[in-house]
Each structure stands twice: as structure tokens, then as C-alpha cells.
N, C-alpha and C. Protein backbone atom coordinates (compact mmCIF):
# COMPACT_ATOMS: atom_id res chain seq x y z
N MET A 1 19.47 -7.40 -1.76
CA MET A 1 18.44 -7.83 -0.83
C MET A 1 18.16 -9.31 -1.12
N SER A 2 18.20 -10.12 -0.10
CA SER A 2 17.92 -11.53 -0.29
C SER A 2 16.42 -11.78 -0.22
N SER A 3 15.99 -12.87 -0.81
CA SER A 3 14.57 -13.18 -0.80
C SER A 3 14.38 -14.62 -0.34
N TYR A 4 13.19 -14.91 0.08
CA TYR A 4 12.84 -16.27 0.46
C TYR A 4 11.36 -16.48 0.19
N MET A 5 11.00 -17.71 0.14
CA MET A 5 9.61 -18.07 -0.19
C MET A 5 8.78 -18.16 1.09
N MET A 6 7.54 -17.68 0.99
CA MET A 6 6.57 -17.84 2.06
C MET A 6 5.40 -18.61 1.47
N TYR A 7 4.85 -19.49 2.25
CA TYR A 7 3.72 -20.29 1.79
C TYR A 7 2.55 -20.06 2.74
N PHE A 8 1.36 -19.98 2.17
CA PHE A 8 0.14 -19.82 2.95
C PHE A 8 -0.85 -20.90 2.54
N LYS A 9 -1.59 -21.36 3.50
CA LYS A 9 -2.70 -22.25 3.19
C LYS A 9 -3.94 -21.38 3.06
N LEU A 10 -4.59 -21.47 1.92
CA LEU A 10 -5.78 -20.67 1.66
C LEU A 10 -6.96 -21.58 1.34
N TYR A 11 -8.12 -21.13 1.73
CA TYR A 11 -9.33 -21.80 1.31
C TYR A 11 -9.71 -21.27 -0.07
N LYS A 12 -10.38 -22.10 -0.84
CA LYS A 12 -10.74 -21.75 -2.20
C LYS A 12 -11.51 -20.43 -2.26
N GLY A 13 -12.37 -20.19 -1.29
CA GLY A 13 -13.17 -18.97 -1.27
C GLY A 13 -12.35 -17.71 -0.97
N GLN A 14 -11.16 -17.85 -0.41
CA GLN A 14 -10.32 -16.69 -0.10
C GLN A 14 -9.54 -16.19 -1.31
N ILE A 15 -9.31 -17.06 -2.27
CA ILE A 15 -8.44 -16.73 -3.40
C ILE A 15 -8.95 -15.53 -4.21
N PRO A 16 -10.25 -15.45 -4.53
CA PRO A 16 -10.69 -14.29 -5.33
C PRO A 16 -10.44 -12.95 -4.63
N VAL A 17 -10.62 -12.90 -3.32
CA VAL A 17 -10.40 -11.65 -2.58
C VAL A 17 -8.93 -11.26 -2.63
N ILE A 18 -8.06 -12.22 -2.42
CA ILE A 18 -6.62 -11.96 -2.43
C ILE A 18 -6.15 -11.56 -3.82
N GLU A 19 -6.63 -12.27 -4.83
CA GLU A 19 -6.26 -11.93 -6.21
C GLU A 19 -6.73 -10.53 -6.58
N GLN A 20 -7.93 -10.17 -6.17
CA GLN A 20 -8.46 -8.84 -6.47
C GLN A 20 -7.63 -7.76 -5.77
N ALA A 21 -7.27 -7.99 -4.52
CA ALA A 21 -6.45 -7.01 -3.79
C ALA A 21 -5.09 -6.84 -4.46
N LEU A 22 -4.47 -7.94 -4.87
CA LEU A 22 -3.17 -7.86 -5.53
C LEU A 22 -3.29 -7.15 -6.88
N GLU A 23 -4.38 -7.40 -7.60
CA GLU A 23 -4.59 -6.75 -8.90
C GLU A 23 -4.77 -5.24 -8.74
N ILE A 24 -5.55 -4.84 -7.76
CA ILE A 24 -5.77 -3.42 -7.51
C ILE A 24 -4.47 -2.75 -7.07
N ALA A 25 -3.73 -3.41 -6.20
CA ALA A 25 -2.45 -2.86 -5.75
C ALA A 25 -1.49 -2.71 -6.93
N ALA A 26 -1.47 -3.69 -7.82
CA ALA A 26 -0.58 -3.63 -9.00
C ALA A 26 -0.96 -2.44 -9.88
N ARG A 27 -2.26 -2.19 -10.05
CA ARG A 27 -2.69 -1.05 -10.86
C ARG A 27 -2.29 0.27 -10.20
N MET A 28 -2.41 0.33 -8.88
CA MET A 28 -2.06 1.56 -8.16
C MET A 28 -0.56 1.81 -8.14
N LEU A 29 0.21 0.73 -7.98
CA LEU A 29 1.65 0.85 -7.82
C LEU A 29 2.41 0.81 -9.14
N GLY A 30 1.76 0.33 -10.17
CA GLY A 30 2.41 0.14 -11.46
C GLY A 30 2.49 -1.34 -11.76
N SER A 31 2.06 -1.70 -12.93
CA SER A 31 1.94 -3.13 -13.25
C SER A 31 3.28 -3.85 -13.28
N ASP A 32 4.39 -3.11 -13.28
CA ASP A 32 5.70 -3.75 -13.29
C ASP A 32 6.16 -4.20 -11.90
N LYS A 33 5.38 -3.90 -10.87
CA LYS A 33 5.75 -4.28 -9.51
C LYS A 33 5.42 -5.76 -9.28
N SER A 34 6.25 -6.41 -8.49
CA SER A 34 6.03 -7.83 -8.20
C SER A 34 4.85 -8.00 -7.26
N ARG A 35 4.30 -9.20 -7.27
CA ARG A 35 3.19 -9.51 -6.37
C ARG A 35 3.63 -9.41 -4.92
N GLY A 36 4.90 -9.75 -4.65
CA GLY A 36 5.43 -9.63 -3.30
C GLY A 36 5.44 -8.18 -2.83
N TYR A 37 5.85 -7.27 -3.72
CA TYR A 37 5.86 -5.85 -3.38
C TYR A 37 4.43 -5.36 -3.15
N CYS A 38 3.51 -5.81 -4.01
CA CYS A 38 2.11 -5.42 -3.84
C CYS A 38 1.57 -5.90 -2.49
N LEU A 39 1.90 -7.13 -2.13
CA LEU A 39 1.47 -7.66 -0.83
C LEU A 39 2.07 -6.85 0.31
N GLU A 40 3.33 -6.46 0.17
CA GLU A 40 3.97 -5.63 1.21
C GLU A 40 3.23 -4.31 1.38
N MET A 41 2.83 -3.68 0.29
CA MET A 41 2.13 -2.40 0.37
C MET A 41 0.73 -2.57 0.96
N ILE A 42 0.07 -3.67 0.64
CA ILE A 42 -1.24 -3.96 1.24
C ILE A 42 -1.08 -4.11 2.76
N CYS A 43 -0.05 -4.83 3.17
CA CYS A 43 0.21 -5.02 4.61
C CYS A 43 0.58 -3.71 5.29
N ALA A 44 1.40 -2.88 4.63
CA ALA A 44 1.78 -1.58 5.20
C ALA A 44 0.56 -0.70 5.39
N ASP A 45 -0.35 -0.74 4.41
CA ASP A 45 -1.58 0.04 4.52
C ASP A 45 -2.42 -0.45 5.69
N PHE A 46 -2.52 -1.76 5.84
CA PHE A 46 -3.26 -2.33 6.95
C PHE A 46 -2.66 -1.91 8.29
N LEU A 47 -1.34 -2.01 8.40
CA LEU A 47 -0.67 -1.64 9.65
C LEU A 47 -0.86 -0.17 9.97
N ALA A 48 -0.84 0.67 8.97
CA ALA A 48 -1.05 2.11 9.21
C ALA A 48 -2.45 2.34 9.75
N GLY A 49 -3.44 1.67 9.19
CA GLY A 49 -4.81 1.82 9.67
C GLY A 49 -5.02 1.20 11.04
N ALA A 50 -4.36 0.08 11.29
CA ALA A 50 -4.53 -0.61 12.57
C ALA A 50 -3.90 0.17 13.71
N ASN A 51 -2.93 1.02 13.42
CA ASN A 51 -2.23 1.76 14.46
C ASN A 51 -2.75 3.18 14.65
N LEU A 52 -3.86 3.52 14.01
CA LEU A 52 -4.37 4.89 14.13
C LEU A 52 -4.72 5.27 15.56
N GLY A 53 -5.18 4.33 16.36
CA GLY A 53 -5.58 4.64 17.72
C GLY A 53 -4.43 4.60 18.71
N LYS A 54 -3.27 4.18 18.28
CA LYS A 54 -2.13 4.06 19.19
C LYS A 54 -1.40 5.39 19.31
N ASP A 55 -0.47 5.44 20.24
CA ASP A 55 0.35 6.63 20.42
C ASP A 55 1.58 6.57 19.52
N GLU A 56 1.38 6.20 18.27
CA GLU A 56 2.47 6.11 17.30
C GLU A 56 2.09 6.89 16.04
N PRO A 57 2.11 8.21 16.12
CA PRO A 57 1.70 9.00 14.95
C PRO A 57 2.65 8.83 13.76
N ASP A 58 3.88 8.45 14.00
CA ASP A 58 4.83 8.28 12.90
C ASP A 58 4.42 7.16 11.96
N THR A 59 3.75 6.15 12.45
CA THR A 59 3.32 5.05 11.60
C THR A 59 2.36 5.55 10.53
N PHE A 60 1.38 6.35 10.93
CA PHE A 60 0.42 6.90 9.98
C PHE A 60 1.10 7.89 9.04
N LEU A 61 1.97 8.72 9.58
CA LEU A 61 2.69 9.69 8.77
C LEU A 61 3.56 9.00 7.72
N ASN A 62 4.23 7.93 8.11
CA ASN A 62 5.06 7.17 7.17
C ASN A 62 4.21 6.55 6.07
N ALA A 63 3.03 6.05 6.42
CA ALA A 63 2.13 5.47 5.42
C ALA A 63 1.66 6.53 4.43
N LEU A 64 1.34 7.72 4.93
CA LEU A 64 0.94 8.82 4.05
C LEU A 64 2.08 9.19 3.10
N HIS A 65 3.27 9.24 3.64
CA HIS A 65 4.44 9.58 2.81
C HIS A 65 4.66 8.55 1.71
N ARG A 66 4.53 7.27 2.05
CA ARG A 66 4.70 6.21 1.04
C ARG A 66 3.64 6.34 -0.05
N CYS A 67 2.41 6.61 0.35
CA CYS A 67 1.33 6.77 -0.64
C CYS A 67 1.58 7.98 -1.53
N PHE A 68 2.02 9.08 -0.94
CA PHE A 68 2.31 10.29 -1.70
C PHE A 68 3.40 10.02 -2.74
N CYS A 69 4.42 9.30 -2.36
CA CYS A 69 5.53 9.00 -3.27
C CYS A 69 5.10 8.11 -4.43
N LEU A 70 4.03 7.36 -4.27
CA LEU A 70 3.53 6.50 -5.33
C LEU A 70 2.75 7.26 -6.39
N LEU A 71 2.32 8.48 -6.07
CA LEU A 71 1.54 9.27 -7.03
C LEU A 71 2.43 9.77 -8.15
N PRO A 72 1.87 9.87 -9.36
CA PRO A 72 2.61 10.52 -10.44
C PRO A 72 2.87 11.99 -10.08
N ASN A 73 3.87 12.59 -10.69
CA ASN A 73 4.26 13.96 -10.35
C ASN A 73 3.10 14.95 -10.45
N ALA A 74 2.27 14.82 -11.48
CA ALA A 74 1.14 15.74 -11.64
C ALA A 74 0.17 15.63 -10.47
N GLN A 75 -0.10 14.42 -10.02
CA GLN A 75 -1.02 14.24 -8.90
C GLN A 75 -0.37 14.69 -7.59
N GLN A 76 0.94 14.54 -7.45
CA GLN A 76 1.63 15.06 -6.27
C GLN A 76 1.46 16.58 -6.21
N ALA A 77 1.63 17.25 -7.34
CA ALA A 77 1.49 18.71 -7.38
C ALA A 77 0.07 19.12 -7.03
N THR A 78 -0.92 18.42 -7.57
CA THR A 78 -2.32 18.71 -7.26
C THR A 78 -2.60 18.52 -5.78
N PHE A 79 -2.07 17.42 -5.22
CA PHE A 79 -2.26 17.15 -3.80
C PHE A 79 -1.67 18.28 -2.95
N LEU A 80 -0.47 18.71 -3.28
CA LEU A 80 0.18 19.79 -2.51
C LEU A 80 -0.59 21.09 -2.63
N GLN A 81 -1.13 21.38 -3.81
CA GLN A 81 -1.94 22.58 -3.98
C GLN A 81 -3.18 22.54 -3.10
N ARG A 82 -3.85 21.39 -3.09
CA ARG A 82 -5.04 21.24 -2.26
C ARG A 82 -4.70 21.33 -0.77
N LEU A 83 -3.55 20.79 -0.40
CA LEU A 83 -3.13 20.82 0.99
C LEU A 83 -2.86 22.23 1.46
N THR A 84 -2.19 23.03 0.63
CA THR A 84 -1.89 24.40 1.03
C THR A 84 -3.12 25.29 0.97
N ALA A 85 -4.12 24.92 0.15
CA ALA A 85 -5.35 25.70 0.07
C ALA A 85 -6.28 25.44 1.24
N ALA A 86 -6.11 24.33 1.92
CA ALA A 86 -7.01 23.96 3.02
C ALA A 86 -6.77 24.79 4.25
């Protein structure tokens, strides 16, 4: 997979919010993940939420699947148990 650099102009006041979001994403995804990957997951989450009202149910389903795959095995099992109990 090839990579390239993206640059953004940010105001000083925006930096703490962005840094906090990246830090939380890194904790959720695993601290070994790159900041670029964390940003991608933040964007994917946003897109899934932004498309909830559209006639594209697969977008939300795909986002749920990605989140489920990020859970440790024990939490995946707990989630499935709760899902089947509902």
C-alpha cells in the first residue's frame, strides 16, 4: 500500500481537540496503531453516523462490523451473548 502526506491548516485552539481524539482512538484501537490509522477510524465512525438517515444501511452495518472486530475476543464473546439474549 502506498502512502502520501496530507497537510491541514489548523488553528491553535483546534489542536487539543484533535490530539485528544487521536489519543482516545489510539487507546481503543491499540497504542501500536499509527496516527493515520486512528484518523481513518475516526473518519469512518463519523461517516457511519452521518449516513444513518440515508438509504444506505450497509454503511452503518460495516461500521458496526469494524468496531466489533476491534474488540478483544473476550468482549466479542460477551457482546454476542448479550445480542442473542436480547
